N, C-alpha and C. Protein backbone atom coordinates (compact mmCIF):
# COMPACT_ATOMS: atom_id res chain seq x y z
N MET A 1 -4.07 -11.13 18.54
CA MET A 1 -4.57 -11.64 19.80
C MET A 1 -4.94 -13.12 19.66
N PHE A 2 -5.54 -13.47 18.52
CA PHE A 2 -5.90 -14.87 18.32
C PHE A 2 -4.64 -15.74 18.26
N GLY A 3 -3.64 -15.26 17.55
CA GLY A 3 -2.36 -15.98 17.46
C GLY A 3 -1.69 -16.09 18.82
N PHE A 4 -1.80 -15.04 19.61
CA PHE A 4 -1.23 -15.06 20.96
C PHE A 4 -1.90 -16.15 21.80
N GLY A 5 -3.21 -16.31 21.66
CA GLY A 5 -3.92 -17.38 22.36
C GLY A 5 -3.43 -18.76 21.94
N LEU A 6 -3.16 -18.93 20.64
CA LEU A 6 -2.63 -20.20 20.16
C LEU A 6 -1.23 -20.47 20.70
N VAL A 7 -0.42 -19.42 20.76
CA VAL A 7 0.93 -19.57 21.31
C VAL A 7 0.85 -19.96 22.79
N LEU A 8 -0.06 -19.36 23.53
CA LEU A 8 -0.23 -19.73 24.93
C LEU A 8 -0.69 -21.17 25.09
N ALA A 9 -1.56 -21.62 24.20
CA ALA A 9 -2.01 -23.02 24.25
C ALA A 9 -0.82 -23.96 24.03
N ALA A 10 0.01 -23.64 23.05
CA ALA A 10 1.20 -24.45 22.80
C ALA A 10 2.15 -24.40 23.99
N LEU A 11 2.26 -23.25 24.62
CA LEU A 11 3.13 -23.11 25.79
C LEU A 11 2.64 -23.96 26.96
N VAL A 12 1.33 -23.98 27.18
CA VAL A 12 0.77 -24.79 28.27
C VAL A 12 1.04 -26.27 28.01
N VAL A 13 0.84 -26.71 26.77
CA VAL A 13 1.10 -28.11 26.44
C VAL A 13 2.59 -28.43 26.60
N ALA A 14 3.47 -27.55 26.11
CA ALA A 14 4.91 -27.77 26.22
C ALA A 14 5.35 -27.81 27.68
N LEU A 15 4.84 -26.89 28.48
CA LEU A 15 5.22 -26.89 29.90
C LEU A 15 4.71 -28.13 30.61
N HIS A 16 3.55 -28.62 30.22
CA HIS A 16 3.00 -29.83 30.82
C HIS A 16 3.86 -31.05 30.47
N LEU A 17 4.39 -31.07 29.23
CA LEU A 17 5.24 -32.18 28.82
C LEU A 17 6.63 -32.10 29.45
N ILE A 18 7.15 -30.88 29.56
CA ILE A 18 8.50 -30.71 30.10
C ILE A 18 8.51 -30.82 31.62
N LEU A 19 7.56 -30.16 32.26
CA LEU A 19 7.48 -30.14 33.72
C LEU A 19 6.21 -30.88 34.16
N PRO A 20 6.35 -32.13 34.59
CA PRO A 20 5.16 -32.87 34.97
C PRO A 20 4.40 -32.22 36.14
N ASP A 21 5.09 -31.46 36.99
CA ASP A 21 4.43 -30.79 38.12
C ASP A 21 3.54 -29.64 37.66
N PHE A 22 3.77 -29.18 36.45
CA PHE A 22 3.05 -28.00 35.96
C PHE A 22 1.56 -28.26 35.84
N GLY A 23 1.15 -29.47 35.59
CA GLY A 23 -0.27 -29.78 35.44
C GLY A 23 -1.00 -29.95 36.76
N GLU A 24 -0.31 -29.99 37.85
CA GLU A 24 -0.91 -30.24 39.16
C GLU A 24 -1.40 -28.94 39.78
N SER A 25 -2.55 -28.48 39.39
CA SER A 25 -3.22 -27.28 39.91
C SER A 25 -2.25 -26.12 40.17
N SER A 26 -1.43 -25.83 39.21
CA SER A 26 -0.50 -24.70 39.29
C SER A 26 -1.26 -23.40 39.03
N HIS A 27 -0.99 -22.41 39.85
CA HIS A 27 -1.64 -21.10 39.65
C HIS A 27 -1.22 -20.49 38.31
N TRP A 28 0.05 -20.69 37.93
CA TRP A 28 0.53 -20.16 36.65
C TRP A 28 -0.17 -20.83 35.48
N ARG A 29 -0.38 -22.16 35.59
CA ARG A 29 -1.08 -22.89 34.53
C ARG A 29 -2.51 -22.37 34.40
N ASN A 30 -3.17 -22.17 35.53
CA ASN A 30 -4.55 -21.67 35.50
C ASN A 30 -4.62 -20.27 34.90
N LEU A 31 -3.65 -19.44 35.25
CA LEU A 31 -3.61 -18.09 34.70
C LEU A 31 -3.39 -18.12 33.18
N LEU A 32 -2.47 -18.97 32.73
CA LEU A 32 -2.21 -19.09 31.30
C LEU A 32 -3.45 -19.60 30.56
N ILE A 33 -4.17 -20.52 31.16
CA ILE A 33 -5.38 -21.06 30.52
C ILE A 33 -6.46 -19.99 30.43
N VAL A 34 -6.62 -19.18 31.48
CA VAL A 34 -7.61 -18.10 31.46
C VAL A 34 -7.25 -17.08 30.39
N VAL A 35 -5.98 -16.67 30.35
CA VAL A 35 -5.55 -15.69 29.34
C VAL A 35 -5.69 -16.29 27.94
N MET A 36 -5.38 -17.58 27.81
CA MET A 36 -5.51 -18.27 26.54
C MET A 36 -6.96 -18.25 26.06
N GLY A 37 -7.90 -18.37 26.96
CA GLY A 37 -9.31 -18.35 26.60
C GLY A 37 -9.84 -16.96 26.32
N ILE A 38 -9.28 -15.95 26.98
CA ILE A 38 -9.78 -14.58 26.84
C ILE A 38 -9.27 -13.92 25.56
N THR A 39 -8.06 -14.25 25.12
CA THR A 39 -7.48 -13.55 23.97
C THR A 39 -8.31 -13.69 22.69
N PRO A 40 -8.88 -14.87 22.34
CA PRO A 40 -9.73 -14.89 21.14
C PRO A 40 -10.98 -14.02 21.29
N ALA A 41 -11.52 -13.94 22.50
CA ALA A 41 -12.69 -13.08 22.72
C ALA A 41 -12.32 -11.62 22.53
N ILE A 42 -11.16 -11.23 23.01
CA ILE A 42 -10.70 -9.85 22.82
C ILE A 42 -10.47 -9.58 21.34
N ALA A 43 -9.87 -10.55 20.63
CA ALA A 43 -9.64 -10.40 19.19
C ALA A 43 -10.96 -10.22 18.45
N ALA A 44 -11.97 -11.00 18.83
CA ALA A 44 -13.28 -10.88 18.18
C ALA A 44 -13.92 -9.53 18.48
N ALA A 45 -13.77 -9.06 19.71
CA ALA A 45 -14.34 -7.75 20.07
C ALA A 45 -13.67 -6.63 19.29
N ILE A 46 -12.36 -6.69 19.17
CA ILE A 46 -11.63 -5.66 18.41
C ILE A 46 -12.03 -5.71 16.93
N GLY A 47 -12.15 -6.93 16.39
CA GLY A 47 -12.56 -7.07 15.00
C GLY A 47 -13.97 -6.53 14.76
N GLY A 48 -14.87 -6.81 15.68
CA GLY A 48 -16.23 -6.29 15.57
C GLY A 48 -16.28 -4.78 15.65
N TYR A 49 -15.49 -4.22 16.55
CA TYR A 49 -15.44 -2.76 16.68
C TYR A 49 -14.88 -2.12 15.41
N ALA A 50 -13.82 -2.72 14.87
CA ALA A 50 -13.22 -2.18 13.64
C ALA A 50 -14.21 -2.25 12.49
N GLU A 51 -14.98 -3.33 12.41
CA GLU A 51 -15.98 -3.44 11.36
C GLU A 51 -17.09 -2.42 11.56
N LYS A 52 -17.53 -2.24 12.79
CA LYS A 52 -18.60 -1.28 13.08
C LYS A 52 -18.17 0.14 12.74
N MET A 53 -16.93 0.47 13.01
CA MET A 53 -16.43 1.81 12.74
C MET A 53 -15.95 1.99 11.29
N ALA A 54 -15.99 0.93 10.50
CA ALA A 54 -15.63 0.96 9.07
C ALA A 54 -14.20 1.43 8.84
N PHE A 55 -13.28 0.96 9.67
CA PHE A 55 -11.89 1.38 9.54
C PHE A 55 -11.28 0.93 8.21
N SER A 56 -11.58 -0.29 7.76
CA SER A 56 -10.96 -0.76 6.51
C SER A 56 -11.47 0.02 5.30
N ALA A 57 -12.76 0.33 5.29
CA ALA A 57 -13.31 1.12 4.18
C ALA A 57 -12.71 2.52 4.17
N GLN A 58 -12.56 3.10 5.35
CA GLN A 58 -11.97 4.44 5.43
C GLN A 58 -10.51 4.42 5.01
N ALA A 59 -9.77 3.40 5.44
CA ALA A 59 -8.35 3.33 5.09
C ALA A 59 -8.16 3.23 3.58
N LYS A 60 -8.99 2.43 2.91
CA LYS A 60 -8.89 2.33 1.45
C LYS A 60 -9.19 3.66 0.79
N ARG A 61 -10.22 4.32 1.28
CA ARG A 61 -10.60 5.61 0.69
C ARG A 61 -9.52 6.66 0.94
N TYR A 62 -8.94 6.68 2.14
CA TYR A 62 -7.89 7.65 2.45
C TYR A 62 -6.64 7.40 1.61
N ASP A 63 -6.30 6.13 1.37
CA ASP A 63 -5.15 5.83 0.51
C ASP A 63 -5.40 6.35 -0.90
N TRP A 64 -6.62 6.14 -1.39
CA TRP A 64 -6.97 6.61 -2.73
C TRP A 64 -6.89 8.13 -2.80
N MET A 65 -7.43 8.80 -1.78
CA MET A 65 -7.41 10.27 -1.77
C MET A 65 -5.99 10.80 -1.64
N LYS A 66 -5.15 10.12 -0.87
CA LYS A 66 -3.75 10.54 -0.74
C LYS A 66 -3.06 10.51 -2.10
N ALA A 67 -3.26 9.42 -2.84
CA ALA A 67 -2.66 9.32 -4.17
C ALA A 67 -3.21 10.41 -5.10
N LEU A 68 -4.50 10.67 -5.01
CA LEU A 68 -5.11 11.71 -5.84
C LEU A 68 -4.51 13.08 -5.54
N PHE A 69 -4.40 13.42 -4.26
CA PHE A 69 -3.85 14.72 -3.88
C PHE A 69 -2.37 14.84 -4.24
N GLU A 70 -1.62 13.74 -4.15
CA GLU A 70 -0.22 13.80 -4.55
C GLU A 70 -0.08 14.07 -6.06
N ARG A 71 -0.91 13.38 -6.86
CA ARG A 71 -0.89 13.63 -8.31
C ARG A 71 -1.31 15.06 -8.62
N ALA A 72 -2.33 15.54 -7.91
CA ALA A 72 -2.81 16.90 -8.14
C ALA A 72 -1.74 17.92 -7.75
N ALA A 73 -1.01 17.65 -6.68
CA ALA A 73 0.05 18.58 -6.26
C ALA A 73 1.14 18.66 -7.33
N ASN A 74 1.48 17.52 -7.90
CA ASN A 74 2.50 17.52 -8.97
C ASN A 74 1.99 18.27 -10.20
N GLN A 75 0.74 18.03 -10.57
CA GLN A 75 0.17 18.72 -11.73
C GLN A 75 0.07 20.22 -11.47
N LEU A 76 -0.32 20.59 -10.25
CA LEU A 76 -0.44 22.01 -9.92
C LEU A 76 0.91 22.70 -9.99
N THR A 77 1.94 22.03 -9.52
CA THR A 77 3.29 22.60 -9.61
C THR A 77 3.67 22.85 -11.07
N ASN A 78 3.37 21.87 -11.92
CA ASN A 78 3.67 22.04 -13.36
C ASN A 78 2.86 23.18 -13.97
N LEU A 79 1.58 23.27 -13.61
CA LEU A 79 0.73 24.34 -14.14
C LEU A 79 1.20 25.72 -13.69
N VAL A 80 1.62 25.83 -12.44
CA VAL A 80 2.11 27.12 -11.93
C VAL A 80 3.42 27.49 -12.61
N GLU A 81 4.30 26.52 -12.82
CA GLU A 81 5.56 26.80 -13.50
C GLU A 81 5.32 27.26 -14.94
N ARG A 82 4.30 26.70 -15.58
CA ARG A 82 3.97 27.11 -16.96
C ARG A 82 3.10 28.35 -16.98
N ARG A 83 2.73 28.86 -15.80
CA ARG A 83 1.88 30.05 -15.67
C ARG A 83 0.51 29.85 -16.33
N ASP A 84 0.00 28.63 -16.20
CA ASP A 84 -1.33 28.31 -16.74
C ASP A 84 -2.35 28.50 -15.62
N ARG A 85 -2.80 29.74 -15.49
CA ARG A 85 -3.71 30.09 -14.39
C ARG A 85 -5.06 29.40 -14.54
N ALA A 86 -5.60 29.33 -15.72
CA ALA A 86 -6.91 28.70 -15.94
C ALA A 86 -6.84 27.20 -15.64
N GLY A 87 -5.76 26.55 -16.06
CA GLY A 87 -5.59 25.12 -15.77
C GLY A 87 -5.46 24.85 -14.29
N ALA A 88 -4.72 25.73 -13.59
CA ALA A 88 -4.54 25.58 -12.14
C ALA A 88 -5.87 25.77 -11.42
N GLN A 89 -6.64 26.78 -11.84
CA GLN A 89 -7.95 26.99 -11.21
C GLN A 89 -8.88 25.81 -11.45
N GLN A 90 -8.87 25.27 -12.66
CA GLN A 90 -9.72 24.12 -12.96
C GLN A 90 -9.30 22.91 -12.13
N LEU A 91 -8.01 22.70 -11.98
CA LEU A 91 -7.51 21.58 -11.18
C LEU A 91 -7.94 21.72 -9.72
N ILE A 92 -7.80 22.92 -9.17
CA ILE A 92 -8.21 23.15 -7.78
C ILE A 92 -9.72 22.97 -7.64
N PHE A 93 -10.49 23.42 -8.62
CA PHE A 93 -11.94 23.26 -8.59
C PHE A 93 -12.32 21.77 -8.61
N ASP A 94 -11.69 21.01 -9.51
CA ASP A 94 -11.96 19.57 -9.60
C ASP A 94 -11.54 18.85 -8.31
N LEU A 95 -10.43 19.26 -7.75
CA LEU A 95 -9.96 18.65 -6.51
C LEU A 95 -10.93 18.95 -5.36
N GLY A 96 -11.47 20.15 -5.33
CA GLY A 96 -12.46 20.50 -4.31
C GLY A 96 -13.72 19.67 -4.45
N LYS A 97 -14.17 19.45 -5.69
CA LYS A 97 -15.36 18.60 -5.90
C LYS A 97 -15.09 17.17 -5.43
N GLU A 98 -13.89 16.67 -5.70
CA GLU A 98 -13.53 15.32 -5.27
C GLU A 98 -13.48 15.22 -3.75
N ALA A 99 -12.97 16.26 -3.10
CA ALA A 99 -12.92 16.27 -1.63
C ALA A 99 -14.33 16.29 -1.04
N LEU A 100 -15.23 17.06 -1.64
CA LEU A 100 -16.61 17.07 -1.16
C LEU A 100 -17.29 15.72 -1.37
N GLU A 101 -17.00 15.08 -2.49
CA GLU A 101 -17.57 13.75 -2.74
C GLU A 101 -17.05 12.74 -1.71
N GLU A 102 -15.77 12.82 -1.39
CA GLU A 102 -15.19 11.93 -0.39
C GLU A 102 -15.82 12.17 0.97
N ASN A 103 -16.07 13.43 1.29
CA ASN A 103 -16.72 13.77 2.56
C ASN A 103 -18.13 13.18 2.60
N GLY A 104 -18.85 13.25 1.49
CA GLY A 104 -20.18 12.66 1.41
C GLY A 104 -20.13 11.15 1.58
N ASP A 105 -19.12 10.50 0.99
CA ASP A 105 -18.96 9.06 1.16
C ASP A 105 -18.72 8.70 2.62
N TRP A 106 -17.92 9.51 3.31
CA TRP A 106 -17.65 9.28 4.73
C TRP A 106 -18.96 9.36 5.52
N VAL A 107 -19.77 10.35 5.23
CA VAL A 107 -21.05 10.49 5.94
C VAL A 107 -21.93 9.27 5.67
N MET A 108 -21.98 8.81 4.43
CA MET A 108 -22.81 7.65 4.09
C MET A 108 -22.33 6.39 4.80
N ILE A 109 -21.01 6.19 4.87
CA ILE A 109 -20.47 5.02 5.57
C ILE A 109 -20.89 5.04 7.03
N HIS A 110 -20.82 6.21 7.65
CA HIS A 110 -21.14 6.28 9.08
C HIS A 110 -22.64 6.31 9.35
N ARG A 111 -23.44 6.66 8.39
CA ARG A 111 -24.89 6.55 8.57
C ARG A 111 -25.33 5.11 8.49
N GLU A 112 -24.63 4.30 7.69
CA GLU A 112 -24.95 2.88 7.60
C GLU A 112 -24.59 2.14 8.88
N ARG A 113 -23.61 2.63 9.60
CA ARG A 113 -23.12 1.96 10.80
C ARG A 113 -23.39 2.85 12.02
N THR A 114 -24.62 2.96 12.38
CA THR A 114 -24.95 3.81 13.52
C THR A 114 -24.54 3.12 14.82
N ALA A 115 -24.17 3.92 15.79
CA ALA A 115 -23.77 3.39 17.08
C ALA A 115 -25.01 3.01 17.89
N ASP A 116 -24.94 1.86 18.56
CA ASP A 116 -26.02 1.43 19.42
C ASP A 116 -25.72 1.93 20.83
N VAL A 117 -26.62 2.73 21.37
CA VAL A 117 -26.42 3.29 22.71
C VAL A 117 -27.19 2.44 23.70
N TYR A 118 -26.50 1.95 24.73
CA TYR A 118 -27.14 1.17 25.77
C TYR A 118 -27.86 2.11 26.72
N LYS A 119 -29.14 1.87 26.93
CA LYS A 119 -29.93 2.76 27.75
C LYS A 119 -30.23 2.21 29.14
N GLY A 120 -29.76 1.03 29.42
CA GLY A 120 -29.97 0.45 30.75
C GLY A 120 -31.31 -0.26 30.86
N ALA A 121 -31.59 -0.74 32.06
CA ALA A 121 -32.84 -1.50 32.26
C ALA A 121 -33.99 -0.63 32.60
């Protein structure tokens, strides 16, 4: 959105240089200037919302958990093929503990970022 605002600014300048009539209280020019001014505000609002909701922290954690579960799935397949029941049970147990820890981390992230509820005047 911020880049889009910069592109619109360049477009307004280019149109003003190419079309001298464009600067003379054109409705299109005014609309482009308004949109050009609003897009950085929208970008900031989206960035603030993403930070408040901890999307980047969650994405990193989910990527890590995805890799962990993929490795565990491969190991579990090998353990089942070797008929190592005790190893498979231990792997599933350890994976369950890791999933519970991840769930606890999610709760902690969201407790740190509580939502502010507007109650009116």
